[in-house]
N, C-alpha and C. Protein backbone atom coordinates (compact mmCIF):
# COMPACT_ATOMS: atom_id res chain seq x y z
N MET A 1 0.83 -1.19 0.00
CA MET A 1 0.00 0.00 0.00
C MET A 1 0.87 1.25 0.00
N LYS A 2 0.46 2.24 -0.77
CA LYS A 2 1.22 3.48 -0.88
C LYS A 2 1.19 4.25 0.43
N LYS A 3 2.37 4.68 0.88
CA LYS A 3 2.47 5.41 2.14
C LYS A 3 2.12 6.89 1.96
N ILE A 4 1.52 7.48 2.98
CA ILE A 4 1.25 8.92 2.98
C ILE A 4 2.56 9.67 3.17
N LYS A 5 2.75 10.73 2.41
CA LYS A 5 3.96 11.54 2.50
C LYS A 5 3.77 12.68 3.50
N ILE A 6 4.67 12.74 4.48
CA ILE A 6 4.63 13.79 5.50
C ILE A 6 5.92 14.60 5.45
N LEU A 7 5.78 15.91 5.44
CA LEU A 7 6.93 16.79 5.45
C LEU A 7 7.06 17.42 6.84
N TYR A 8 8.20 17.19 7.49
CA TYR A 8 8.46 17.76 8.82
C TYR A 8 9.36 18.98 8.62
N PHE A 9 8.90 20.15 9.05
CA PHE A 9 9.60 21.42 8.82
C PHE A 9 10.04 21.99 10.15
N SER A 10 11.36 22.13 10.32
CA SER A 10 11.91 22.57 11.60
C SER A 10 12.88 23.73 11.43
N TYR A 11 12.76 24.73 12.32
CA TYR A 11 13.71 25.84 12.36
C TYR A 11 14.95 25.43 13.17
N ASP A 12 14.80 24.38 13.96
CA ASP A 12 15.94 23.81 14.71
C ASP A 12 16.64 22.78 13.84
N GLY A 13 17.96 22.71 13.95
CA GLY A 13 18.72 21.77 13.15
C GLY A 13 18.65 20.35 13.69
N VAL A 14 18.53 19.39 12.79
CA VAL A 14 18.50 17.98 13.20
C VAL A 14 19.91 17.45 13.47
N LEU A 15 20.94 18.22 13.11
CA LEU A 15 22.31 17.82 13.41
C LEU A 15 22.70 18.17 14.84
N GLU A 16 21.91 19.01 15.48
CA GLU A 16 22.19 19.42 16.85
C GLU A 16 21.60 18.41 17.83
N PRO A 17 22.11 18.38 19.07
CA PRO A 17 21.57 17.45 20.08
C PRO A 17 20.07 17.56 20.27
N LEU A 18 19.53 18.79 20.28
CA LEU A 18 18.09 18.98 20.45
C LEU A 18 17.33 18.32 19.30
N GLY A 19 17.83 18.52 18.08
CA GLY A 19 17.17 17.92 16.93
C GLY A 19 17.22 16.41 16.95
N GLN A 20 18.32 15.87 17.44
CA GLN A 20 18.45 14.42 17.54
C GLN A 20 17.46 13.83 18.52
N SER A 21 17.32 14.48 19.68
CA SER A 21 16.46 13.92 20.73
C SER A 21 14.98 14.22 20.53
N GLN A 22 14.66 15.46 20.14
CA GLN A 22 13.26 15.87 20.07
C GLN A 22 12.63 15.71 18.69
N ILE A 23 13.44 15.50 17.67
CA ILE A 23 12.90 15.37 16.32
C ILE A 23 13.16 13.98 15.73
N MET A 24 14.44 13.62 15.63
CA MET A 24 14.79 12.40 14.91
C MET A 24 14.29 11.13 15.60
N ASN A 25 14.29 11.10 16.92
CA ASN A 25 13.81 9.90 17.62
C ASN A 25 12.36 9.58 17.26
N TYR A 26 11.56 10.64 17.08
CA TYR A 26 10.15 10.45 16.70
C TYR A 26 10.03 10.05 15.23
N GLN A 27 10.78 10.74 14.36
CA GLN A 27 10.66 10.51 12.93
C GLN A 27 11.09 9.09 12.54
N LYS A 28 12.11 8.59 13.21
CA LYS A 28 12.58 7.22 12.92
C LYS A 28 11.48 6.20 13.21
N LYS A 29 10.75 6.44 14.30
CA LYS A 29 9.70 5.49 14.70
C LYS A 29 8.52 5.48 13.73
N ILE A 30 8.14 6.67 13.24
CA ILE A 30 6.96 6.72 12.37
C ILE A 30 7.30 6.50 10.89
N SER A 31 8.62 6.46 10.57
CA SER A 31 9.01 6.29 9.16
C SER A 31 8.65 4.90 8.62
N SER A 32 8.31 3.98 9.52
CA SER A 32 7.86 2.66 9.06
C SER A 32 6.46 2.71 8.47
N TYR A 33 5.72 3.74 8.84
CA TYR A 33 4.32 3.85 8.43
C TYR A 33 4.07 4.96 7.41
N TYR A 34 4.99 5.93 7.32
CA TYR A 34 4.82 7.07 6.41
C TYR A 34 6.14 7.35 5.68
N ASP A 35 6.03 8.02 4.53
CA ASP A 35 7.21 8.53 3.85
C ASP A 35 7.54 9.89 4.45
N ILE A 36 8.68 9.97 5.12
CA ILE A 36 9.04 11.17 5.85
C ILE A 36 10.06 12.02 5.08
N PHE A 37 9.73 13.28 4.90
CA PHE A 37 10.65 14.27 4.33
C PHE A 37 10.92 15.30 5.43
N ILE A 38 12.18 15.61 5.66
CA ILE A 38 12.54 16.59 6.69
C ILE A 38 13.24 17.78 6.04
N VAL A 39 12.73 18.97 6.34
CA VAL A 39 13.39 20.22 5.95
C VAL A 39 13.79 20.92 7.24
N SER A 40 15.07 21.18 7.40
CA SER A 40 15.55 21.79 8.64
C SER A 40 16.60 22.85 8.35
N PHE A 41 16.61 23.88 9.18
CA PHE A 41 17.63 24.92 9.09
C PHE A 41 18.84 24.48 9.92
N GLU A 42 19.98 24.40 9.28
CA GLU A 42 21.19 23.91 9.94
C GLU A 42 22.26 25.00 10.01
N LYS A 43 22.96 25.03 11.12
CA LYS A 43 24.06 25.99 11.29
C LYS A 43 25.26 25.55 10.45
N TYR A 44 25.93 26.53 9.88
CA TYR A 44 27.06 26.25 8.98
C TYR A 44 28.14 25.45 9.68
N LYS A 45 28.37 25.72 10.96
CA LYS A 45 29.43 25.02 11.70
C LYS A 45 29.16 23.52 11.79
N ASP A 46 27.89 23.15 11.82
CA ASP A 46 27.55 21.73 11.89
C ASP A 46 27.86 21.00 10.59
N PHE A 47 27.90 21.75 9.47
CA PHE A 47 28.21 21.15 8.19
C PHE A 47 29.71 20.91 8.01
N LYS A 48 30.50 21.49 8.90
CA LYS A 48 31.95 21.28 8.84
C LYS A 48 32.34 19.91 9.39
N ASN A 49 31.44 19.32 10.18
CA ASN A 49 31.71 18.00 10.76
C ASN A 49 31.31 16.93 9.75
N ILE A 50 32.21 16.64 8.83
CA ILE A 50 31.93 15.72 7.72
C ILE A 50 31.60 14.33 8.22
N GLU A 51 32.32 13.87 9.24
CA GLU A 51 32.09 12.53 9.76
C GLU A 51 30.69 12.39 10.35
N ASN A 52 30.25 13.43 11.06
CA ASN A 52 28.91 13.42 11.65
C ASN A 52 27.84 13.43 10.56
N ILE A 53 28.09 14.18 9.50
CA ILE A 53 27.15 14.24 8.37
C ILE A 53 27.00 12.85 7.74
N LYS A 54 28.11 12.16 7.55
CA LYS A 54 28.08 10.83 6.95
C LYS A 54 27.27 9.86 7.81
N LEU A 55 27.51 9.90 9.13
CA LEU A 55 26.78 9.01 10.04
C LEU A 55 25.29 9.32 10.03
N PHE A 56 24.97 10.62 9.99
CA PHE A 56 23.56 11.03 9.99
C PHE A 56 22.86 10.58 8.71
N LYS A 57 23.51 10.78 7.56
CA LYS A 57 22.91 10.40 6.28
C LYS A 57 22.72 8.89 6.20
N SER A 58 23.69 8.15 6.74
CA SER A 58 23.57 6.69 6.76
C SER A 58 22.40 6.26 7.63
N ASP A 59 22.23 6.95 8.76
CA ASP A 59 21.16 6.62 9.70
C ASP A 59 19.79 6.87 9.08
N ILE A 60 19.60 8.03 8.46
CA ILE A 60 18.28 8.34 7.89
C ILE A 60 18.00 7.48 6.64
N LYS A 61 19.05 7.08 5.93
CA LYS A 61 18.87 6.20 4.78
C LYS A 61 18.33 4.85 5.24
N ASN A 62 18.85 4.35 6.35
CA ASN A 62 18.38 3.08 6.91
C ASN A 62 16.92 3.17 7.37
N ASN A 63 16.48 4.39 7.69
CA ASN A 63 15.10 4.59 8.15
C ASN A 63 14.19 5.16 7.06
N ASN A 64 14.70 5.17 5.81
CA ASN A 64 13.91 5.66 4.66
C ASN A 64 13.38 7.08 4.87
N ILE A 65 14.23 7.95 5.41
CA ILE A 65 13.88 9.36 5.61
C ILE A 65 14.67 10.20 4.62
N THR A 66 13.99 11.13 3.96
CA THR A 66 14.64 12.02 3.01
C THR A 66 14.84 13.39 3.65
N TRP A 67 16.05 13.91 3.59
CA TRP A 67 16.42 15.14 4.30
C TRP A 67 16.82 16.24 3.32
N PHE A 68 16.26 17.44 3.53
CA PHE A 68 16.59 18.61 2.72
C PHE A 68 17.05 19.74 3.66
N PRO A 69 18.36 19.83 3.91
CA PRO A 69 18.85 20.87 4.83
C PRO A 69 18.90 22.25 4.18
N ILE A 70 18.73 23.28 5.01
CA ILE A 70 18.87 24.67 4.59
C ILE A 70 19.89 25.33 5.52
N ILE A 71 20.90 26.00 4.94
CA ILE A 71 21.88 26.69 5.77
C ILE A 71 21.24 27.91 6.42
N PHE A 72 21.30 27.98 7.73
CA PHE A 72 20.69 29.05 8.51
C PHE A 72 21.52 30.33 8.39
N SER A 73 20.87 31.43 8.02
CA SER A 73 21.53 32.74 7.93
C SER A 73 21.27 33.53 9.19
N TYR A 74 22.29 34.22 9.71
CA TYR A 74 22.10 34.94 10.97
C TYR A 74 22.93 36.23 11.08
N LYS A 75 23.86 36.49 10.17
CA LYS A 75 24.81 37.59 10.34
C LYS A 75 24.18 38.98 10.20
N TYR A 76 23.13 39.09 9.38
CA TYR A 76 22.64 40.42 9.01
C TYR A 76 21.27 40.76 9.59
N LYS A 77 20.96 40.20 10.75
CA LYS A 77 19.75 40.50 11.51
C LYS A 77 18.49 40.43 10.66
N VAL A 78 17.82 41.57 10.41
CA VAL A 78 16.53 41.57 9.69
C VAL A 78 16.68 40.95 8.30
N LEU A 79 17.78 41.28 7.61
CA LEU A 79 18.01 40.73 6.28
C LEU A 79 18.16 39.22 6.33
N SER A 80 18.77 38.72 7.39
CA SER A 80 18.93 37.27 7.55
C SER A 80 17.59 36.58 7.74
N TYR A 81 16.69 37.21 8.53
CA TYR A 81 15.35 36.65 8.73
C TYR A 81 14.63 36.55 7.39
N LEU A 82 14.74 37.61 6.59
CA LEU A 82 14.10 37.63 5.28
C LEU A 82 14.69 36.55 4.37
N LEU A 83 16.02 36.40 4.43
CA LEU A 83 16.70 35.40 3.61
C LEU A 83 16.27 33.99 4.02
N ASN A 84 16.17 33.75 5.33
CA ASN A 84 15.71 32.44 5.80
C ASN A 84 14.28 32.16 5.35
N TYR A 85 13.46 33.20 5.38
CA TYR A 85 12.06 33.06 4.95
C TYR A 85 12.00 32.65 3.48
N ILE A 86 12.77 33.32 2.65
CA ILE A 86 12.77 33.04 1.21
C ILE A 86 13.31 31.63 0.93
N LYS A 87 14.39 31.28 1.62
CA LYS A 87 14.97 29.94 1.42
C LYS A 87 14.00 28.84 1.85
N GLY A 88 13.34 29.06 2.99
CA GLY A 88 12.39 28.07 3.48
C GLY A 88 11.18 27.96 2.57
N LEU A 89 10.65 29.10 2.15
CA LEU A 89 9.46 29.12 1.29
C LEU A 89 9.74 28.45 -0.05
N SER A 90 10.88 28.76 -0.66
CA SER A 90 11.21 28.20 -1.97
C SER A 90 11.45 26.68 -1.88
N LYS A 91 12.05 26.24 -0.77
CA LYS A 91 12.30 24.80 -0.59
C LYS A 91 11.00 24.02 -0.44
N ILE A 92 10.09 24.53 0.39
CA ILE A 92 8.80 23.86 0.58
C ILE A 92 7.98 23.90 -0.71
N PHE A 93 8.02 25.02 -1.40
CA PHE A 93 7.31 25.16 -2.69
C PHE A 93 7.80 24.09 -3.67
N PHE A 94 9.11 23.93 -3.76
CA PHE A 94 9.70 22.93 -4.66
C PHE A 94 9.23 21.52 -4.28
N LEU A 95 9.21 21.20 -3.00
CA LEU A 95 8.82 19.86 -2.55
C LEU A 95 7.33 19.60 -2.79
N LEU A 96 6.50 20.62 -2.62
CA LEU A 96 5.07 20.46 -2.87
C LEU A 96 4.79 20.20 -4.35
N ILE A 97 5.59 20.80 -5.21
CA ILE A 97 5.44 20.57 -6.65
C ILE A 97 5.96 19.20 -7.04
N SER A 98 7.07 18.80 -6.42
CA SER A 98 7.77 17.56 -6.81
C SER A 98 7.16 16.30 -6.21
N TYR A 99 6.56 16.42 -5.01
CA TYR A 99 6.05 15.24 -4.31
C TYR A 99 4.60 15.47 -3.90
N ASP A 100 3.91 14.38 -3.72
CA ASP A 100 2.50 14.45 -3.32
C ASP A 100 2.42 14.54 -1.79
N ILE A 101 2.83 15.67 -1.25
CA ILE A 101 2.85 15.87 0.20
C ILE A 101 1.42 16.06 0.72
N LYS A 102 1.03 15.23 1.69
CA LYS A 102 -0.33 15.30 2.23
C LYS A 102 -0.40 16.08 3.55
N ILE A 103 0.70 16.03 4.32
CA ILE A 103 0.71 16.67 5.63
C ILE A 103 2.03 17.41 5.82
N ILE A 104 1.97 18.64 6.35
CA ILE A 104 3.17 19.36 6.76
C ILE A 104 3.12 19.56 8.27
N HIS A 105 4.12 19.04 8.93
CA HIS A 105 4.24 19.17 10.39
C HIS A 105 5.19 20.34 10.66
N CYS A 106 4.66 21.44 11.17
CA CYS A 106 5.46 22.63 11.45
C CYS A 106 5.89 22.66 12.90
N ARG A 107 7.18 22.63 13.14
CA ARG A 107 7.69 22.72 14.50
C ARG A 107 7.93 24.19 14.83
N GLY A 108 7.04 24.76 15.65
CA GLY A 108 7.17 26.15 16.06
C GLY A 108 6.49 27.13 15.11
N TYR A 109 6.38 28.37 15.59
CA TYR A 109 5.67 29.42 14.86
C TYR A 109 6.36 29.81 13.55
N VAL A 110 7.68 29.92 13.56
CA VAL A 110 8.40 30.47 12.41
C VAL A 110 8.16 29.63 11.16
N THR A 111 8.23 28.32 11.29
CA THR A 111 8.03 27.46 10.11
C THR A 111 6.61 27.57 9.57
N PHE A 112 5.64 27.71 10.48
CA PHE A 112 4.24 27.87 10.04
C PHE A 112 4.06 29.21 9.32
N MET A 113 4.70 30.25 9.82
CA MET A 113 4.62 31.55 9.16
C MET A 113 5.20 31.49 7.75
N ILE A 114 6.25 30.68 7.58
CA ILE A 114 6.88 30.56 6.26
C ILE A 114 5.94 29.91 5.26
N ILE A 115 5.22 28.87 5.68
CA ILE A 115 4.40 28.12 4.71
C ILE A 115 2.94 28.56 4.68
N TYR A 116 2.57 29.51 5.53
CA TYR A 116 1.16 29.88 5.68
C TYR A 116 0.48 30.21 4.35
N LEU A 117 1.11 31.00 3.51
CA LEU A 117 0.49 31.41 2.25
C LEU A 117 0.36 30.25 1.26
N LEU A 118 1.23 29.25 1.38
CA LEU A 118 1.20 28.12 0.44
C LEU A 118 -0.08 27.29 0.56
N LYS A 119 -0.72 27.34 1.74
CA LYS A 119 -1.93 26.55 1.94
C LYS A 119 -3.08 27.03 1.05
N PHE A 120 -2.97 28.25 0.52
CA PHE A 120 -4.01 28.77 -0.37
C PHE A 120 -3.81 28.31 -1.81
N PHE A 121 -2.65 27.69 -2.10
CA PHE A 121 -2.34 27.26 -3.46
C PHE A 121 -2.15 25.75 -3.59
N PHE A 122 -1.93 25.09 -2.45
CA PHE A 122 -1.73 23.64 -2.46
C PHE A 122 -2.69 22.98 -1.48
N SER A 123 -2.94 21.70 -1.71
CA SER A 123 -3.84 20.95 -0.83
C SER A 123 -3.02 20.07 0.11
N PHE A 124 -2.88 20.49 1.34
CA PHE A 124 -2.21 19.69 2.36
C PHE A 124 -2.76 20.08 3.73
N LYS A 125 -2.62 19.17 4.67
CA LYS A 125 -3.07 19.43 6.03
C LYS A 125 -1.88 19.86 6.89
N ILE A 126 -2.17 20.65 7.93
CA ILE A 126 -1.10 21.21 8.75
C ILE A 126 -1.21 20.69 10.18
N VAL A 127 -0.09 20.16 10.67
CA VAL A 127 0.06 19.85 12.09
C VAL A 127 0.92 20.96 12.69
N PHE A 128 0.32 21.73 13.59
CA PHE A 128 1.04 22.85 14.21
C PHE A 128 1.58 22.41 15.56
N ASP A 129 2.87 22.13 15.58
CA ASP A 129 3.57 21.72 16.81
C ASP A 129 4.09 22.99 17.48
N MET A 130 3.28 23.57 18.37
CA MET A 130 3.53 24.93 18.87
C MET A 130 4.82 25.07 19.67
N ARG A 131 5.17 24.09 20.46
CA ARG A 131 6.28 24.13 21.40
C ARG A 131 5.98 25.06 22.57
N GLY A 132 5.71 26.31 22.31
CA GLY A 132 5.37 27.27 23.36
C GLY A 132 4.66 28.44 22.71
N PHE A 133 4.29 29.44 23.51
CA PHE A 133 3.64 30.63 22.97
C PHE A 133 4.74 31.64 22.60
N TRP A 134 5.30 31.45 21.41
CA TRP A 134 6.49 32.15 20.95
C TRP A 134 6.36 33.66 21.04
N ILE A 135 5.22 34.19 20.68
CA ILE A 135 5.03 35.65 20.66
C ILE A 135 5.07 36.22 22.07
N ASP A 136 4.34 35.61 22.99
CA ASP A 136 4.32 36.09 24.37
C ASP A 136 5.65 35.82 25.08
N GLU A 137 6.34 34.77 24.66
CA GLU A 137 7.66 34.50 25.23
C GLU A 137 8.64 35.62 24.89
N ARG A 138 8.51 36.20 23.70
CA ARG A 138 9.40 37.29 23.31
C ARG A 138 9.15 38.53 24.15
N VAL A 139 7.93 38.69 24.62
CA VAL A 139 7.62 39.79 25.53
C VAL A 139 8.23 39.50 26.91
N GLU A 140 8.07 38.25 27.37
CA GLU A 140 8.63 37.86 28.66
C GLU A 140 10.15 37.98 28.68
N TRP A 141 10.77 37.71 27.53
CA TRP A 141 12.23 37.81 27.42
C TRP A 141 12.70 39.25 27.22
N ASN A 142 11.72 40.18 27.17
CA ASN A 142 12.01 41.60 26.99
C ASN A 142 12.64 41.92 25.62
N ILE A 143 12.28 41.10 24.62
CA ILE A 143 12.72 41.36 23.25
C ILE A 143 11.72 42.29 22.55
N TRP A 144 10.43 42.03 22.78
CA TRP A 144 9.35 42.86 22.25
C TRP A 144 8.60 43.53 23.38
N LYS A 145 7.92 44.62 23.03
CA LYS A 145 7.05 45.32 23.98
C LYS A 145 5.59 45.01 23.65
N LYS A 146 4.80 44.79 24.68
CA LYS A 146 3.42 44.35 24.48
C LYS A 146 2.55 45.42 23.86
N ASN A 147 2.90 46.69 24.02
CA ASN A 147 2.05 47.77 23.50
C ASN A 147 2.46 48.21 22.09
N ARG A 148 3.40 47.50 21.49
CA ARG A 148 3.86 47.87 20.16
C ARG A 148 3.03 47.21 19.06
N LEU A 149 3.06 47.81 17.87
CA LEU A 149 2.31 47.31 16.72
C LEU A 149 2.78 45.92 16.31
N LYS A 150 4.09 45.67 16.44
CA LYS A 150 4.64 44.37 16.07
C LYS A 150 3.98 43.25 16.85
N TYR A 151 3.83 43.44 18.17
CA TYR A 151 3.22 42.43 19.03
C TYR A 151 1.76 42.19 18.61
N LYS A 152 1.03 43.26 18.38
CA LYS A 152 -0.38 43.15 18.02
C LYS A 152 -0.56 42.45 16.68
N PHE A 153 0.35 42.76 15.74
CA PHE A 153 0.28 42.10 14.43
C PHE A 153 0.50 40.60 14.54
N PHE A 154 1.52 40.21 15.29
CA PHE A 154 1.84 38.79 15.41
C PHE A 154 0.80 38.03 16.24
N LYS A 155 0.14 38.69 17.18
CA LYS A 155 -0.95 38.05 17.91
C LYS A 155 -2.14 37.81 16.98
N PHE A 156 -2.37 38.76 16.07
CA PHE A 156 -3.41 38.60 15.05
C PHE A 156 -3.07 37.41 14.14
N LEU A 157 -1.78 37.34 13.73
CA LEU A 157 -1.31 36.25 12.87
C LEU A 157 -1.38 34.91 13.61
N GLU A 158 -1.08 34.92 14.90
CA GLU A 158 -1.14 33.70 15.71
C GLU A 158 -2.53 33.07 15.63
N LYS A 159 -3.56 33.87 15.75
CA LYS A 159 -4.93 33.36 15.69
C LYS A 159 -5.22 32.77 14.31
N LYS A 160 -4.73 33.43 13.27
CA LYS A 160 -4.92 32.93 11.91
C LYS A 160 -4.25 31.55 11.74
N LEU A 161 -3.05 31.42 12.28
CA LEU A 161 -2.33 30.17 12.18
C LEU A 161 -3.07 29.05 12.90
N LEU A 162 -3.51 29.34 14.12
CA LEU A 162 -4.20 28.33 14.92
C LEU A 162 -5.50 27.87 14.26
N ILE A 163 -6.21 28.81 13.66
CA ILE A 163 -7.47 28.47 13.00
C ILE A 163 -7.23 27.64 11.74
N SER A 164 -6.14 27.91 11.02
CA SER A 164 -5.91 27.23 9.75
C SER A 164 -5.28 25.84 9.91
N ALA A 165 -4.79 25.52 11.10
CA ALA A 165 -4.19 24.19 11.34
C ALA A 165 -5.28 23.15 11.57
N GLN A 166 -5.06 21.95 11.04
CA GLN A 166 -6.01 20.86 11.26
C GLN A 166 -5.76 20.17 12.61
N SER A 167 -4.49 20.14 13.00
CA SER A 167 -4.12 19.52 14.27
C SER A 167 -3.15 20.43 15.02
N ILE A 168 -3.32 20.52 16.34
CA ILE A 168 -2.47 21.39 17.16
C ILE A 168 -1.87 20.58 18.29
N ILE A 169 -0.55 20.62 18.38
CA ILE A 169 0.17 19.92 19.44
C ILE A 169 0.67 20.94 20.46
N THR A 170 0.34 20.71 21.73
CA THR A 170 0.84 21.57 22.80
C THR A 170 1.68 20.74 23.76
N LEU A 171 2.52 21.42 24.54
CA LEU A 171 3.38 20.72 25.48
C LEU A 171 2.65 20.34 26.77
N THR A 172 1.60 21.11 27.10
CA THR A 172 0.86 20.85 28.33
C THR A 172 -0.64 21.01 28.10
N ASP A 173 -1.44 20.46 29.01
CA ASP A 173 -2.90 20.63 28.93
C ASP A 173 -3.29 22.08 29.17
N ASP A 174 -2.55 22.78 30.03
CA ASP A 174 -2.83 24.20 30.27
C ASP A 174 -2.64 25.01 29.00
N ALA A 175 -1.61 24.69 28.23
CA ALA A 175 -1.37 25.39 26.96
C ALA A 175 -2.51 25.12 25.99
N ARG A 176 -2.99 23.88 25.96
CA ARG A 176 -4.13 23.54 25.10
C ARG A 176 -5.35 24.38 25.47
N ASN A 177 -5.60 24.56 26.75
CA ASN A 177 -6.74 25.36 27.21
C ASN A 177 -6.59 26.82 26.80
N GLU A 178 -5.37 27.32 26.78
CA GLU A 178 -5.13 28.71 26.33
C GLU A 178 -5.42 28.84 24.84
N VAL A 179 -5.04 27.81 24.06
CA VAL A 179 -5.32 27.82 22.62
C VAL A 179 -6.82 27.84 22.38
N ILE A 180 -7.56 27.05 23.14
CA ILE A 180 -9.01 27.00 23.01
C ILE A 180 -9.63 28.38 23.25
N LYS A 181 -9.08 29.13 24.20
CA LYS A 181 -9.56 30.48 24.47
C LYS A 181 -9.32 31.40 23.28
N ILE A 182 -8.22 31.17 22.57
CA ILE A 182 -7.86 32.05 21.44
C ILE A 182 -8.75 31.78 20.24
N ILE A 183 -8.97 30.50 19.91
CA ILE A 183 -9.71 30.20 18.67
C ILE A 183 -11.21 30.05 18.88
N LYS A 184 -11.66 29.93 20.12
CA LYS A 184 -13.07 29.93 20.51
C LYS A 184 -13.95 29.05 19.63
N ASN A 185 -14.70 29.63 18.69
CA ASN A 185 -15.71 28.90 17.92
C ASN A 185 -15.13 27.89 16.92
N ASN A 186 -13.83 27.89 16.76
CA ASN A 186 -13.21 26.99 15.79
C ASN A 186 -12.65 25.71 16.42
N VAL A 187 -12.96 25.50 17.68
CA VAL A 187 -12.39 24.38 18.43
C VAL A 187 -12.84 23.03 17.88
N GLN A 188 -14.10 22.91 17.50
CA GLN A 188 -14.67 21.61 17.11
C GLN A 188 -13.98 20.98 15.91
N SER A 189 -13.40 21.79 15.06
CA SER A 189 -12.79 21.27 13.83
C SER A 189 -11.33 20.86 14.02
N LYS A 190 -10.82 20.97 15.25
CA LYS A 190 -9.40 20.71 15.50
C LYS A 190 -9.16 19.37 16.18
N ILE A 191 -7.99 18.80 15.90
CA ILE A 191 -7.51 17.64 16.63
C ILE A 191 -6.41 18.15 17.57
N PHE A 192 -6.61 17.98 18.87
CA PHE A 192 -5.63 18.44 19.85
C PHE A 192 -4.84 17.26 20.41
N GLU A 193 -3.55 17.47 20.58
CA GLU A 193 -2.70 16.48 21.22
C GLU A 193 -1.77 17.20 22.20
N THR A 194 -1.66 16.64 23.39
CA THR A 194 -0.67 17.13 24.35
C THR A 194 0.49 16.16 24.37
N ILE A 195 1.65 16.60 23.90
CA ILE A 195 2.85 15.75 23.88
C ILE A 195 3.95 16.49 24.64
N HIS A 196 4.29 15.99 25.80
CA HIS A 196 5.33 16.63 26.60
C HIS A 196 6.69 16.43 25.95
N THR A 197 7.62 17.32 26.24
CA THR A 197 8.99 17.12 25.78
C THR A 197 9.54 15.91 26.53
N CYS A 198 9.76 14.83 25.80
CA CYS A 198 10.05 13.55 26.45
C CYS A 198 11.53 13.24 26.48
N VAL A 199 11.85 12.17 27.15
CA VAL A 199 13.23 11.71 27.25
C VAL A 199 13.24 10.18 27.15
N ASP A 200 14.27 9.66 26.54
CA ASP A 200 14.44 8.22 26.47
C ASP A 200 15.13 7.76 27.75
N LYS A 201 14.37 7.18 28.63
CA LYS A 201 14.90 6.80 29.95
C LYS A 201 16.00 5.74 29.87
N SER A 202 16.06 5.02 28.77
CA SER A 202 17.10 4.00 28.64
C SER A 202 18.49 4.61 28.54
N ASN A 203 18.55 5.91 28.24
CA ASN A 203 19.85 6.60 28.15
C ASN A 203 20.35 7.07 29.51
N PHE A 204 19.51 7.00 30.53
CA PHE A 204 19.88 7.51 31.85
C PHE A 204 19.65 6.43 32.89
N LYS A 205 20.72 6.00 33.51
CA LYS A 205 20.62 4.95 34.53
C LYS A 205 21.22 5.43 35.84
N LYS A 206 20.53 5.13 36.92
CA LYS A 206 21.03 5.48 38.24
C LYS A 206 21.85 4.30 38.78
N PRO A 207 23.09 4.54 39.18
CA PRO A 207 23.92 3.45 39.71
C PRO A 207 23.24 2.76 40.90
N LYS A 208 23.39 1.45 40.95
CA LYS A 208 22.71 0.66 41.98
C LYS A 208 23.07 1.10 43.40
N HIS A 209 24.32 1.51 43.60
CA HIS A 209 24.73 1.88 44.96
C HIS A 209 24.09 3.18 45.44
N LEU A 210 23.46 3.91 44.53
CA LEU A 210 22.80 5.15 44.91
C LEU A 210 21.31 4.96 45.20
N LEU A 211 20.80 3.77 44.89
CA LEU A 211 19.37 3.54 45.07
C LEU A 211 18.97 3.50 46.54
N THR A 212 19.89 3.05 47.41
CA THR A 212 19.57 2.97 48.84
C THR A 212 20.39 3.94 49.68
N LYS A 213 21.47 4.44 49.12
CA LYS A 213 22.35 5.33 49.88
C LYS A 213 21.71 6.70 50.08
N LYS A 214 21.74 7.20 51.31
CA LYS A 214 21.21 8.52 51.61
C LYS A 214 22.36 9.52 51.68
N SER A 215 22.06 10.77 51.36
CA SER A 215 23.08 11.81 51.38
C SER A 215 22.53 13.08 51.99
N ASN A 216 23.40 13.85 52.64
CA ASN A 216 23.01 15.14 53.20
C ASN A 216 23.11 16.25 52.17
N LYS A 217 23.64 15.92 51.00
CA LYS A 217 23.80 16.94 49.96
C LYS A 217 22.46 17.22 49.27
N LEU A 218 22.23 18.48 48.97
CA LEU A 218 21.04 18.89 48.22
C LEU A 218 21.51 19.36 46.85
N ILE A 219 21.05 18.68 45.81
CA ILE A 219 21.51 18.97 44.45
C ILE A 219 20.39 19.61 43.64
N PHE A 220 20.67 20.79 43.08
CA PHE A 220 19.73 21.45 42.19
C PHE A 220 20.16 21.21 40.75
N CYS A 221 19.20 20.85 39.91
CA CYS A 221 19.52 20.61 38.49
C CYS A 221 18.54 21.42 37.64
N HIS A 222 19.08 22.31 36.82
CA HIS A 222 18.23 23.11 35.93
C HIS A 222 18.47 22.67 34.50
N LEU A 223 17.44 22.11 33.88
CA LEU A 223 17.54 21.66 32.50
C LEU A 223 16.75 22.61 31.60
N GLY A 224 17.43 23.63 31.10
CA GLY A 224 16.74 24.60 30.25
C GLY A 224 17.60 25.83 30.03
N ALA A 225 16.99 26.86 29.46
CA ALA A 225 17.75 28.07 29.14
C ALA A 225 18.02 28.90 30.40
N ILE A 226 19.13 29.64 30.39
CA ILE A 226 19.45 30.52 31.50
C ILE A 226 19.29 32.00 31.12
N SER A 227 19.01 32.25 29.85
CA SER A 227 18.70 33.63 29.44
C SER A 227 17.41 33.58 28.63
N THR A 228 17.48 33.87 27.31
CA THR A 228 16.29 33.73 26.48
C THR A 228 16.12 32.30 26.00
C-alpha cells in the first residue's frame, strides 16, 4: 500500500543534540508507516563536521527518511530573517510541486509563518507543533514590547495560524486550554494532542549503589535556558 507523505519542517537543526532527541527519535519510529521528508535549518558550523554528516545520512537512509537541509543565515539581523524566509518558502514550494505531500508538520511558529500562504495554493493538512507561545515569550524575554504594533500584528497572525491548522500539538494541557480560548468557535474542527517534551529513559541509569544510599547533599539541576 502506498504510504502517505509527511513533510516535517523545523527551524531547529537535526544535526544538533536537540534535533536528535526531540525530532529524529520520533521521525525514525513513524518512518515505518509514512514517507518522511525533513526540511531543517542547519548551522554552517555543523556542516563542517563531515564525519557526523556521513553518520547522519547513513542513519536516515536506513530509516527511509529524506532530508533537505537549509543553511541558517544569521549575520545580518533583519536581512537574515528575510533570507531564511525566502529559502524556506522556496524549498517547501519545490517539494510540494515535486512530491504528493499530504501533511506538513510545522515545528514552532516560524516554520508555520513561512508556509502559511502556500496553503491557499496547495492541498495539504497542517500539524502545528507549537512548542510554546512564541510571541508572548518574546515579551517575557524583553525582546518585544506588548504595547507595540509588532506584538499586536503577530498576535493577530497567531490566531490565523491556529485556525488554519487541522491539528495542534501543545506541550501541556494548560497550553491547550489557552489555545481554546484564542480560537473559541473553531475548536470543534481541530484535533488536539498534548505531547510533553520527552526523554528516552534507557539513556539515563542510576547506579545501583545510589538507590539505597542517603546523602546530606542537596543537588539542584536546571535543564533549560538561562537567558532567552
